[in-house]
């Protein structure tokens, strides 16, 4: 609902920066394109109104229609993009046609964990590389990212973090979003070496004339980078969709998949995976790493074969051996690959959350909107996650290792650093058990609180690490100590029905029937219909 309100406000307010009214004939073309979009998108998409109601979609379309007579071409383009973004389907997008002539500023911005930075720039602006961007035009960096997010069709914030920085380097989109009045001399407020400066940048050329490799809208390979050290493995130069290396020093077999793509003049990539697994059978790696962080998709039908090959090799399919690196650009067929690896293997996920929902719509097909100079790409196929009840917005990593500007500059890959030296859950569990053995519940709870506060554990729940401690104590007939552990878990994870259900079991074992019933009921308040609690209350004759 909040996304709907933000987009509706943007649709209504972008008109304030219009420079001149378009010709009536042009408005008529835009309106015809809008009518086509509003009529055809709901017909072609299998489920267009999962995340927004039809009434909200129609209201937003009406608001855009009313704006068109006073909108600039840039504002019209942004309006169409915002209307489609409203649906919450990252595969259903507006693609500007070449005829619109969208341009670019000669910078690549990147949203690091510590801010928005100029990661690369052309040779003319090399001195600005590595600067932090504080303002773009008239707004702060965070406000600019939020506005750009309204024109990036997305299912979670990570896909916005991947692509909003690029949208902010397109003059026509900067103008259409109302970020600046003079996009020919766009002011940027930058922080460099502790100094704050304002620079003005001009467009460098047309996007249509500057396509890069691996899905990059602009060819930036010759641009200056903020790196001051050799690039890590995942940024190895080259256009290969799938490549690998063996590092004998760390006994790591590293596989980087940049796209789920078949070999040229083929419909399969099995020969490449066969080489990977032949090498694995030969070197017996201590770590087998599949890197999907920059994989934006391809052919999802190619995903089953490598998963099958992993399952045939128990020496690879083990906790502590098999790792999957994901990131904000893990999308579409790569998301489906991550789904299968999560569901069927013992892989440990490292990096950032994926850029899409596990359950998704895709295989978009074009709907030309020639009067508006753009094409709508509309999802046509439903892709179910392995768990049909999976409603997550992304797959979260066990170890969260977002890049910061400093580690990027120094050529460090935080994901590989965590894989080579993973944090130990065993030490946490052992420390808590030792504290409880001494009767020191304060130290035990403090250790859990400290572990949860570590940035690397942002998406990790220690609930499943702590609960077994309670059950071990319960089995040893140390019921009161078990109660301490289960109560600690309910305080740490009050939104988990399972913690209250486990506490209820211990209370019942200790003879506290009424307290157990209350804890079972609390589990049902947290998650109505939670089966273990429902069944337990039925056994107790409580309704």
Protein backbone atom coordinates (compact mmCIF):
# COMPACT_ATOMS: atom_id res chain seq x y z
CA UNK A 1 0.00 0.00 0.00
CA UNK A 2 2.84 2.43 0.77
CA UNK A 3 4.38 1.77 -2.68
CA UNK A 4 1.03 2.52 -4.29
CA UNK A 5 0.72 5.82 -2.42
CA UNK A 6 4.28 6.87 -3.31
CA UNK A 7 3.78 6.12 -6.98
CA UNK A 8 0.42 7.87 -7.08
CA UNK A 9 1.94 10.99 -5.51
CA UNK A 10 4.79 10.88 -8.03
CA UNK A 11 2.33 10.58 -10.91
CA UNK A 12 0.44 13.61 -9.65
CA UNK A 13 3.41 15.85 -8.81
CA UNK A 14 5.94 15.35 -11.62
CA UNK A 15 3.96 17.78 -13.77
CA UNK A 16 5.25 20.75 -11.78
CA UNK A 17 8.53 20.81 -13.70
CA UNK A 18 7.11 20.73 -17.21
CA UNK A 19 8.92 23.17 -19.50
CA UNK A 20 6.49 23.45 -22.40
CA UNK A 21 3.24 21.87 -23.45
CA UNK A 22 3.48 19.21 -26.18
CA UNK A 23 1.64 19.54 -29.49
CA UNK A 24 -1.95 18.22 -29.48
CA UNK A 25 -1.06 15.58 -32.10
CA UNK A 26 1.70 14.23 -29.85
CA UNK A 27 -0.65 14.13 -26.86
CA UNK A 28 -3.13 12.17 -28.95
CA UNK A 29 -0.43 9.57 -29.75
CA UNK A 30 0.52 9.27 -26.08
CA UNK A 31 -3.10 8.82 -25.09
CA UNK A 32 -3.61 6.10 -27.67
CA UNK A 33 -0.52 4.31 -26.34
CA UNK A 34 -1.81 4.65 -22.79
CA UNK A 35 -5.20 3.23 -23.76
CA UNK A 36 -3.44 0.32 -25.47
CA UNK A 37 -1.33 -0.37 -22.38
CA UNK A 38 -4.27 -0.18 -19.97
CA UNK A 39 -6.39 -2.42 -22.17
CA UNK A 40 -3.80 -5.02 -23.21
CA UNK A 41 -1.57 -5.47 -20.18
CA UNK A 42 -4.31 -6.98 -17.96
CA UNK A 43 -5.31 -9.27 -20.83
CA UNK A 44 -1.81 -10.57 -21.45
CA UNK A 45 -0.42 -10.84 -17.93
CA UNK A 46 -1.50 -14.03 -16.06
CA UNK A 47 -2.10 -12.18 -12.76
CA UNK A 48 -1.52 -8.42 -13.07
CA UNK A 49 -3.22 -7.33 -9.86
CA UNK A 50 -1.54 -9.39 -7.14
CA UNK A 51 0.20 -6.43 -5.51
CA UNK A 52 -2.09 -3.57 -6.49
CA UNK A 53 -5.82 -3.50 -7.04
CA UNK A 54 -7.45 -2.90 -10.41
CA UNK A 55 -8.97 0.26 -8.96
CA UNK A 56 -5.54 1.60 -7.99
CA UNK A 57 -4.15 0.78 -11.42
CA UNK A 58 -7.08 2.52 -13.14
CA UNK A 59 -6.75 5.56 -10.87
CA UNK A 60 -3.04 5.86 -11.65
CA UNK A 61 -3.72 5.52 -15.37
CA UNK A 62 -6.39 8.24 -15.18
CA UNK A 63 -3.98 10.53 -13.31
CA UNK A 64 -1.37 10.01 -16.02
CA UNK A 65 -3.90 10.66 -18.77
CA UNK A 66 -4.82 13.98 -17.14
CA UNK A 67 -1.14 14.98 -16.98
CA UNK A 68 -0.28 14.28 -20.60
CA UNK A 69 -1.39 17.63 -22.12
CA UNK A 70 1.09 19.47 -19.87
CA UNK A 71 3.85 16.86 -19.69
CA UNK A 72 7.24 16.95 -21.36
CA UNK A 73 8.37 13.88 -23.24
CA UNK A 74 10.61 12.96 -20.30
CA UNK A 75 7.75 13.28 -17.83
CA UNK A 76 5.52 11.22 -20.08
CA UNK A 77 8.15 8.47 -20.25
CA UNK A 78 8.54 8.48 -16.46
CA UNK A 79 4.76 8.37 -16.05
CA UNK A 80 4.47 5.24 -18.19
CA UNK A 81 7.35 3.62 -16.30
CA UNK A 82 5.77 4.44 -12.94
CA UNK A 83 2.44 3.03 -14.04
CA UNK A 84 4.01 -0.32 -14.92
CA UNK A 85 6.22 -0.32 -11.81
CA UNK A 86 3.03 -0.12 -9.77
CA UNK A 87 2.27 -3.78 -10.59
CA UNK A 88 5.22 -5.09 -8.55
CA UNK A 89 6.40 -7.50 -11.27
CA UNK A 90 10.08 -7.06 -12.09
CA UNK A 91 9.71 -8.75 -15.48
CA UNK A 92 6.95 -6.42 -16.66
CA UNK A 93 8.72 -3.26 -17.77
CA UNK A 94 8.70 -0.30 -20.12
CA UNK A 95 11.57 -0.30 -22.62
CA UNK A 96 12.19 3.04 -24.36
CA UNK A 97 12.64 2.66 -28.10
CA UNK A 98 15.85 3.82 -29.79
CA UNK A 99 13.89 6.66 -31.39
CA UNK A 100 13.54 8.37 -28.01
CA UNK A 101 17.30 8.88 -28.03
CA UNK A 102 17.90 8.53 -24.32
CA UNK A 103 21.36 9.67 -23.28
CA UNK A 104 23.72 8.94 -20.42
CA UNK A 105 26.11 10.74 -18.14
CA UNK A 106 29.64 9.26 -18.24
CA UNK A 107 29.46 7.77 -14.76
CA UNK A 108 28.56 4.46 -13.18
CA UNK A 109 27.01 4.97 -9.76
CA UNK A 110 26.90 2.12 -7.26
CA UNK A 111 24.95 1.83 -4.02
CA UNK A 112 27.52 0.46 -1.58
CA UNK A 113 26.60 -0.35 2.00
CA UNK A 114 28.13 2.99 3.10
CA UNK A 115 26.54 5.20 0.44
CA UNK A 116 26.18 6.05 -3.24
CA UNK A 117 29.55 6.33 -5.00
CA UNK A 118 30.97 6.99 -8.46
CA UNK A 119 32.39 3.53 -9.14
CA UNK A 120 33.54 4.18 -12.69
CA UNK A 121 33.77 7.12 -15.07
CA UNK A 122 35.12 7.90 -18.51
CA UNK A 123 38.67 9.19 -18.86
CA UNK A 124 37.58 12.83 -18.88
CA UNK A 125 36.10 12.47 -15.39
CA UNK A 126 38.56 9.97 -13.92
CA UNK A 127 39.42 12.37 -11.09
CA UNK A 128 35.88 12.00 -9.73
CA UNK A 129 36.02 8.21 -9.45
CA UNK A 130 35.62 7.05 -5.84
CA UNK A 131 33.73 10.15 -4.71
CA UNK A 132 30.61 9.73 -2.64
CA UNK A 133 27.48 11.33 -4.12
CA UNK A 134 25.59 13.38 -1.54
CA UNK A 135 23.10 15.18 -3.80
CA UNK A 136 21.85 14.84 -7.36
CA UNK A 137 20.29 18.01 -8.65
CA UNK A 138 17.99 19.39 -6.00
CA UNK A 139 17.62 16.24 -3.85
CA UNK A 140 19.72 14.10 -1.51
CA UNK A 141 21.20 10.79 -2.63
CA UNK A 142 18.61 8.82 -0.61
CA UNK A 143 15.72 10.82 -2.07
CA UNK A 144 17.14 10.37 -5.57
CA UNK A 145 17.33 6.60 -5.04
CA UNK A 146 13.77 6.52 -3.71
CA UNK A 147 12.42 8.41 -6.72
CA UNK A 148 14.38 6.28 -9.16
CA UNK A 149 12.87 3.25 -7.45
CA UNK A 150 9.46 4.34 -8.74
CA UNK A 151 10.59 3.63 -12.32
CA UNK A 152 12.40 0.34 -11.62
CA UNK A 153 9.83 -2.49 -11.72
CA UNK A 154 10.80 -4.57 -8.72
CA UNK A 155 9.75 -7.17 -6.20
CA UNK A 156 12.21 -6.19 -3.49
CA UNK A 157 14.55 -3.35 -2.56
CA UNK A 158 17.65 -5.20 -3.78
CA UNK A 159 16.65 -4.96 -7.44
CA UNK A 160 16.13 -1.24 -6.90
CA UNK A 161 19.63 -0.98 -5.40
CA UNK A 162 20.92 -2.73 -8.52
CA UNK A 163 19.28 -0.50 -11.13
CA UNK A 164 18.20 2.82 -9.62
CA UNK A 165 21.80 4.14 -9.76
CA UNK A 166 21.82 3.57 -13.52
CA UNK A 167 18.50 5.37 -13.99
CA UNK A 168 19.97 8.34 -12.14
CA UNK A 169 22.58 8.70 -14.86
CA UNK A 170 20.01 9.08 -17.67
CA UNK A 171 19.32 12.81 -18.23
CA UNK A 172 15.78 12.31 -19.53
CA UNK A 173 14.83 10.24 -16.47
CA UNK A 174 16.46 12.75 -14.11
CA UNK A 175 14.35 15.45 -15.74
CA UNK A 176 11.17 13.36 -15.74
CA UNK A 177 11.57 12.55 -12.05
CA UNK A 178 11.90 16.24 -11.24
CA UNK A 179 15.40 15.90 -9.75
CA UNK A 180 16.92 18.86 -11.59
CA UNK A 181 15.86 21.75 -13.79
CA UNK A 182 19.04 21.77 -15.91
CA UNK A 183 19.96 18.25 -16.96
CA UNK A 184 22.46 19.54 -19.51
CA UNK A 185 24.63 20.73 -16.61
CA UNK A 186 23.52 18.44 -13.80
CA UNK A 187 24.88 19.50 -10.39
CA UNK A 188 26.33 16.73 -8.20
CA UNK A 189 27.43 17.34 -4.63
CA UNK A 190 30.38 15.05 -3.96
CA UNK A 191 32.51 14.15 -0.98
CA UNK A 192 36.15 13.40 -1.77
CA UNK A 193 38.90 12.94 0.81
CA UNK A 194 36.87 14.78 3.41
CA UNK A 195 36.07 17.72 1.13
CA UNK A 196 32.62 18.53 -0.25
CA UNK A 197 32.46 19.97 -3.78
CA UNK A 198 29.79 20.65 -6.38
CA UNK A 199 30.48 19.64 -9.96
CA UNK A 200 28.32 19.94 -13.04
CA UNK A 201 28.19 17.11 -15.55
CA UNK A 202 26.90 16.96 -19.11
CA UNK A 203 25.44 14.07 -21.11
CA UNK A 204 28.06 12.04 -22.97
CA UNK A 205 26.07 10.34 -25.72
CA UNK A 206 23.16 8.09 -26.62
CA UNK A 207 22.58 4.83 -24.75
CA UNK A 208 21.61 3.12 -28.00
CA UNK A 209 25.10 3.79 -29.35
CA UNK A 210 27.00 2.56 -26.27
CA UNK A 211 25.77 -0.94 -25.37
CA UNK A 212 28.14 -3.04 -23.30
CA UNK A 213 28.61 -6.73 -22.57
CA UNK A 214 26.85 -9.05 -20.12
CA UNK A 215 23.62 -7.06 -20.17
CA UNK A 216 25.25 -3.73 -19.27
CA UNK A 217 23.35 -0.81 -20.84
CA UNK A 218 26.64 1.06 -21.39
CA UNK A 219 30.06 -0.31 -22.34
CA UNK A 220 32.13 0.75 -19.32
CA UNK A 221 35.03 -1.66 -19.69
CA UNK A 222 37.49 1.08 -20.68
CA UNK A 223 36.34 3.52 -17.99
CA UNK A 224 38.44 4.41 -14.96
CA UNK A 225 37.58 2.38 -11.85
CA UNK A 226 37.76 3.25 -8.18
CA UNK A 227 39.71 0.02 -7.57
CA UNK A 228 43.30 0.51 -6.42
CA UNK A 229 44.11 -3.23 -6.34
CA UNK A 230 43.63 -6.22 -8.64
CA UNK A 231 39.98 -7.19 -9.10
CA UNK A 232 38.69 -10.28 -7.29
CA UNK A 233 37.64 -13.40 -9.15
CA UNK A 234 34.05 -12.38 -9.86
CA UNK A 235 35.17 -9.32 -11.84
CA UNK A 236 37.55 -11.23 -14.09
CA UNK A 237 37.43 -9.65 -17.58
CA UNK A 238 35.63 -11.57 -20.27
CA UNK A 239 32.22 -12.26 -21.71
CA UNK A 240 31.94 -15.94 -20.77
CA UNK A 241 28.54 -16.84 -19.37
CA UNK A 242 30.07 -19.69 -17.32
CA UNK A 243 33.70 -20.00 -16.27
CA UNK A 244 35.64 -21.51 -13.38
CA UNK A 245 39.00 -21.78 -11.67
CA UNK A 246 40.66 -24.00 -9.09
CA UNK A 247 42.70 -22.35 -6.36
CA UNK A 248 45.04 -24.99 -4.89
CA UNK A 249 46.12 -22.70 -2.04
CA UNK A 250 42.62 -22.68 -0.53
CA UNK A 251 41.41 -25.91 -2.19
CA UNK A 252 38.53 -23.94 -3.68
CA UNK A 253 36.77 -24.69 -6.96
CA UNK A 254 35.09 -21.43 -7.93
CA UNK A 255 32.38 -21.37 -10.62
CA UNK A 256 31.13 -18.00 -11.87
CA UNK A 257 27.90 -18.02 -13.85
CA UNK A 258 27.07 -14.62 -15.33
CA UNK A 259 24.10 -15.87 -17.37
CA UNK A 260 22.06 -19.08 -17.62
CA UNK A 261 22.92 -19.46 -21.28
CA UNK A 262 23.46 -22.33 -23.73
CA UNK A 263 26.61 -22.75 -25.77
CA UNK A 264 26.64 -21.04 -29.19
CA UNK A 265 24.55 -22.87 -31.78
CA UNK A 266 23.27 -25.18 -29.05
CA UNK A 267 20.38 -25.52 -26.63
CA UNK A 268 22.45 -26.75 -23.69
CA UNK A 269 25.40 -25.84 -21.50
CA UNK A 270 25.95 -29.39 -20.21
CA UNK A 271 29.43 -29.75 -21.77
CA UNK A 272 30.64 -26.83 -19.64
CA UNK A 273 29.16 -28.23 -16.44
CA UNK A 274 30.62 -31.64 -17.30
CA UNK A 275 34.06 -30.01 -17.34
CA UNK A 276 33.36 -28.39 -13.98
CA UNK A 277 32.35 -31.67 -12.33
CA UNK A 278 35.18 -33.59 -13.97
CA UNK A 279 37.58 -31.12 -12.37
CA UNK A 280 35.77 -31.45 -9.03
CA UNK A 281 36.10 -35.24 -9.21
CA UNK A 282 39.81 -34.83 -9.89
CA UNK A 283 40.85 -32.20 -7.32
CA UNK A 284 38.36 -33.00 -4.51
CA UNK A 285 37.89 -29.38 -3.46
CA UNK A 286 37.41 -28.39 0.13
CA UNK A 287 35.05 -25.65 -1.06
CA UNK A 288 32.80 -25.65 -4.12
CA UNK A 289 31.49 -22.15 -4.81
CA UNK A 290 28.80 -21.19 -7.36
CA UNK A 291 28.71 -17.41 -7.86
CA UNK A 292 25.37 -16.06 -9.11
CA UNK A 293 25.66 -12.49 -7.80
CA UNK A 294 25.75 -10.85 -11.27
CA UNK A 295 23.59 -13.39 -13.08
CA UNK A 296 20.47 -11.67 -14.41
CA UNK A 297 18.95 -14.76 -16.00
CA UNK A 298 18.56 -16.66 -19.23
CA UNK A 299 17.09 -20.11 -19.80
CA UNK A 300 15.78 -21.62 -16.56
CA UNK A 301 15.50 -25.04 -18.19
CA UNK A 302 19.29 -25.35 -17.94
CA UNK A 303 19.29 -25.26 -14.14
CA UNK A 304 18.33 -28.84 -13.32
CA UNK A 305 21.43 -30.53 -14.72
CA UNK A 306 24.05 -28.93 -12.42
CA UNK A 307 21.80 -29.49 -9.40
CA UNK A 308 21.46 -33.17 -10.34
CA UNK A 309 25.24 -33.47 -10.67
CA UNK A 310 25.77 -31.94 -7.23
CA UNK A 311 23.27 -34.35 -5.66
CA UNK A 312 25.20 -37.27 -7.19
CA UNK A 313 28.32 -36.13 -5.32
CA UNK A 314 27.82 -36.26 -1.54
CA UNK A 315 31.38 -34.98 -1.07
CA UNK A 316 30.29 -31.69 -2.69
CA UNK A 317 26.78 -31.53 -1.28
CA UNK A 318 27.76 -30.80 2.30
CA UNK A 319 27.48 -27.93 4.73
CA UNK A 320 30.81 -26.16 4.81
CA UNK A 321 31.74 -27.38 1.32
CA UNK A 322 28.99 -26.13 -1.02
CA UNK A 323 28.46 -22.35 -1.15
CA UNK A 324 26.25 -20.16 -3.32
CA UNK A 325 26.97 -16.45 -3.70
CA UNK A 326 23.91 -14.33 -4.48
CA UNK A 327 23.39 -10.61 -4.89
CA UNK A 328 21.06 -7.84 -5.93
CA UNK A 329 21.41 -8.84 -9.60
CA UNK A 330 20.55 -12.53 -9.07
CA UNK A 331 17.38 -12.53 -11.14
CA UNK A 332 14.99 -14.50 -13.34
CA UNK A 333 16.56 -17.85 -14.39
CA UNK A 334 19.38 -17.22 -11.89
CA UNK A 335 16.75 -16.79 -9.17
CA UNK A 336 15.26 -20.11 -10.27
CA UNK A 337 18.73 -21.72 -10.05
CA UNK A 338 19.12 -20.34 -6.52
CA UNK A 339 15.65 -21.72 -5.69
CA UNK A 340 16.69 -25.25 -6.68
CA UNK A 341 20.03 -25.06 -4.89
CA UNK A 342 18.32 -23.87 -1.72
CA UNK A 343 15.57 -26.50 -1.89
CA UNK A 344 17.57 -29.58 -2.82
CA UNK A 345 21.17 -29.15 -1.70
CA UNK A 346 23.06 -28.41 1.51
CA UNK A 347 24.39 -25.12 0.12
CA UNK A 348 25.22 -22.21 2.40
CA UNK A 349 24.15 -18.89 0.86
CA UNK A 350 26.52 -15.93 1.13
CA UNK A 351 26.37 -12.36 -0.18
CA UNK A 352 23.27 -10.18 -0.55
CA UNK A 353 19.62 -11.16 -0.95
CA UNK A 354 18.53 -12.10 -4.46
CA UNK A 355 16.94 -9.50 -6.70
CA UNK A 356 13.60 -11.26 -7.13
CA UNK A 357 10.94 -13.34 -5.45
CA UNK A 358 11.41 -17.12 -5.49
CA UNK A 359 7.90 -17.38 -6.96
CA UNK A 360 7.79 -15.13 -9.99
CA UNK A 361 6.23 -14.21 -13.31
CA UNK A 362 8.45 -14.00 -16.36
CA UNK A 363 8.99 -14.82 -20.05
CA UNK A 364 7.86 -11.35 -21.01
CA UNK A 365 6.53 -10.60 -24.47
CA UNK A 366 6.54 -7.23 -26.24
CA UNK A 367 3.59 -4.90 -26.62
CA UNK A 368 4.68 -2.06 -28.95
CA UNK A 369 3.49 1.41 -27.98
CA UNK A 370 4.75 3.29 -31.07
CA UNK A 371 2.90 6.50 -30.37
CA UNK A 372 4.79 6.87 -27.11
CA UNK A 373 8.12 5.67 -28.49
CA UNK A 374 8.37 2.70 -26.17
CA UNK A 375 7.56 -1.00 -25.78
CA UNK A 376 5.90 -2.68 -22.83
CA UNK A 377 7.39 -6.08 -21.99
CA UNK A 378 4.69 -8.11 -20.23
CA UNK A 379 5.15 -11.31 -18.24
CA UNK A 380 3.30 -14.29 -19.64
CA UNK A 381 4.40 -17.32 -17.56
CA UNK A 382 4.10 -18.20 -13.86
CA UNK A 383 7.20 -19.78 -12.31
CA UNK A 384 6.43 -21.57 -9.04
CA UNK A 385 9.09 -21.85 -6.35
CA UNK A 386 9.84 -25.38 -5.11
CA UNK A 387 7.74 -24.60 -2.02
CA UNK A 388 4.28 -23.64 -3.22
CA UNK A 389 3.72 -21.66 -0.02
CA UNK A 390 6.86 -19.55 -0.49
CA UNK A 391 5.84 -15.88 -0.24
CA UNK A 392 9.30 -14.44 0.42
CA UNK A 393 10.50 -11.38 -1.47
CA UNK A 394 13.99 -12.88 -1.88
CA UNK A 395 16.32 -15.64 -0.79
CA UNK A 396 18.32 -14.25 2.12
CA UNK A 397 21.95 -15.25 2.68
CA UNK A 398 23.10 -17.00 5.83
CA UNK A 399 26.11 -14.71 5.78
CA UNK A 400 25.33 -11.14 4.68
CA UNK A 401 28.41 -9.66 3.03
CA UNK A 402 27.44 -6.44 1.22
CA UNK A 403 30.26 -4.58 -0.51
CA UNK A 404 31.45 -1.34 1.04
CA UNK A 405 33.33 1.32 -0.87
CA UNK A 406 36.52 0.52 1.03
CA UNK A 407 36.60 -3.24 0.41
CA UNK A 408 35.69 -2.67 -3.24
CA UNK A 409 38.45 -0.11 -3.62
CA UNK A 410 40.99 -2.54 -2.13
CA UNK A 411 39.93 -5.44 -4.35
CA UNK A 412 38.47 -7.52 -1.52
CA UNK A 413 35.52 -9.83 -2.13
CA UNK A 414 33.64 -9.94 1.21
CA UNK A 415 31.62 -12.98 0.11
CA UNK A 416 34.71 -15.07 -0.58
CA UNK A 417 36.32 -13.78 2.62
CA UNK A 418 33.35 -15.13 4.60
CA UNK A 419 33.47 -18.44 2.74
CA UNK A 420 37.17 -18.92 3.46
CA UNK A 421 36.78 -17.90 7.12
CA UNK A 422 33.11 -18.39 8.05
CA UNK A 423 31.79 -17.22 11.42
CA UNK A 424 31.23 -20.14 13.76
CA UNK A 425 27.78 -20.86 15.14
CA UNK A 426 29.34 -23.63 17.23
CA UNK A 427 31.26 -21.17 19.37
CA UNK A 428 28.07 -19.20 20.05
CA UNK A 429 26.13 -22.32 21.05
CA UNK A 430 29.00 -23.62 23.19
CA UNK A 431 29.33 -20.26 24.91
CA UNK A 432 25.63 -20.12 25.71
CA UNK A 433 25.62 -23.68 27.04
CA UNK A 434 28.65 -22.98 29.25
CA UNK A 435 27.01 -19.85 30.64
CA UNK A 436 23.79 -21.71 31.38
CA UNK A 437 25.72 -24.50 33.07
CA UNK A 438 27.04 -21.84 35.46
CA UNK A 439 23.53 -20.46 35.91
CA UNK A 440 24.62 -17.25 34.19
CA UNK A 441 21.57 -16.46 32.08
CA UNK A 442 22.58 -12.81 31.64
CA UNK A 443 25.82 -13.79 29.85
CA UNK A 444 23.95 -16.33 27.69
CA UNK A 445 21.40 -13.75 26.59
CA UNK A 446 24.09 -11.11 26.03
CA UNK A 447 26.00 -13.52 23.76
CA UNK A 448 22.89 -14.11 21.65
CA UNK A 449 22.14 -10.38 21.48
CA UNK A 450 25.71 -9.62 20.38
CA UNK A 451 25.64 -12.29 17.67
CA UNK A 452 22.36 -10.97 16.28
CA UNK A 453 23.83 -7.45 16.15
CA UNK A 454 26.72 -8.49 13.90
CA UNK A 455 26.11 -7.12 10.35
CA UNK A 456 27.05 -10.46 8.80
CA UNK A 457 24.09 -12.03 10.65
CA UNK A 458 21.51 -9.50 9.45
CA UNK A 459 19.36 -12.13 7.74
CA UNK A 460 20.22 -15.06 9.97
CA UNK A 461 17.90 -16.32 12.66
CA UNK A 462 19.65 -18.02 15.56
CA UNK A 463 16.34 -19.47 16.69
CA UNK A 464 17.23 -22.88 15.25
CA UNK A 465 20.65 -22.79 16.91
CA UNK A 466 19.23 -21.99 20.34
CA UNK A 467 16.16 -24.23 20.41
CA UNK A 468 18.15 -27.51 20.35
CA UNK A 469 19.96 -26.39 23.51
CA UNK A 470 16.63 -26.30 25.31
CA UNK A 471 15.65 -29.73 24.02
CA UNK A 472 18.97 -31.22 25.08
CA UNK A 473 18.44 -29.84 28.59
CA UNK A 474 14.87 -31.14 28.55
CA UNK A 475 16.08 -34.62 27.58
CA UNK A 476 18.60 -34.49 30.43
CA UNK A 477 15.70 -33.69 32.79
CA UNK A 478 17.13 -30.25 33.51
CA UNK A 479 13.69 -28.80 33.00
CA UNK A 480 14.14 -25.45 34.74
CA UNK A 481 17.32 -24.75 32.72
CA UNK A 482 15.43 -25.70 29.55
CA UNK A 483 12.71 -23.23 30.45
CA UNK A 484 15.34 -20.50 30.73
CA UNK A 485 16.57 -21.25 27.19
CA UNK A 486 13.10 -21.41 25.65
CA UNK A 487 12.04 -18.17 27.37
CA UNK A 488 15.20 -16.51 26.11
CA UNK A 489 14.30 -17.62 22.57
CA UNK A 490 10.79 -16.16 22.82
CA UNK A 491 12.27 -12.82 23.89
CA UNK A 492 14.78 -12.88 21.05
CA UNK A 493 12.25 -14.05 18.41
CA UNK A 494 8.79 -12.88 19.53
CA UNK A 495 7.42 -13.22 15.98
CA UNK A 496 8.16 -16.95 15.82
CA UNK A 497 5.29 -19.29 16.66
CA UNK A 498 7.78 -22.13 17.04
CA UNK A 499 9.57 -20.51 20.01
CA UNK A 500 6.32 -20.27 21.97
CA UNK A 501 5.35 -23.80 20.98
CA UNK A 502 8.70 -25.12 22.27
CA UNK A 503 8.34 -23.17 25.50
CA UNK A 504 4.87 -24.66 25.93
CA UNK A 505 6.31 -28.19 25.58
CA UNK A 506 8.81 -27.48 28.35
CA UNK A 507 6.17 -25.90 30.57
CA UNK A 508 3.98 -28.95 30.14
CA UNK A 509 6.91 -31.24 31.00
CA UNK A 510 7.51 -29.19 34.14
CA UNK A 511 3.86 -29.56 35.18
CA UNK A 512 2.80 -25.96 34.43
CA UNK A 513 -0.32 -26.86 32.45
CA UNK A 514 -2.03 -23.46 32.47
CA UNK A 515 1.18 -21.68 31.49
CA UNK A 516 1.71 -24.20 28.69
CA UNK A 517 -1.79 -23.58 27.34
CA UNK A 518 -1.14 -19.83 27.43
CA UNK A 519 2.11 -20.32 25.49
CA UNK A 520 0.43 -22.49 22.88
CA UNK A 521 -2.23 -19.80 22.46
CA UNK A 522 0.47 -17.16 22.07
CA UNK A 523 1.99 -19.26 19.28
CA UNK A 524 -1.39 -19.20 17.54
CA UNK A 525 -1.65 -15.44 17.96
CA UNK A 526 1.71 -15.10 16.24
CA UNK A 527 0.80 -17.59 13.50
CA UNK A 528 -2.87 -18.54 13.37
CA UNK A 529 -3.34 -22.22 12.61
CA UNK A 530 0.26 -23.19 13.55
CA UNK A 531 -0.22 -27.00 13.33
CA UNK A 532 1.90 -28.21 16.31
CA UNK A 533 0.14 -25.80 18.69
CA UNK A 534 -3.31 -26.61 17.32
CA UNK A 535 -2.63 -30.33 17.77
CA UNK A 536 -1.21 -29.85 21.26
CA UNK A 537 -4.27 -27.92 22.44
CA UNK A 538 -6.53 -30.61 20.98
CA UNK A 539 -4.61 -33.27 22.95
CA UNK A 540 -5.09 -31.17 26.09
CA UNK A 541 -8.81 -30.93 25.40
CA UNK A 542 -8.64 -27.16 25.02
CA UNK A 543 -10.58 -25.32 22.33
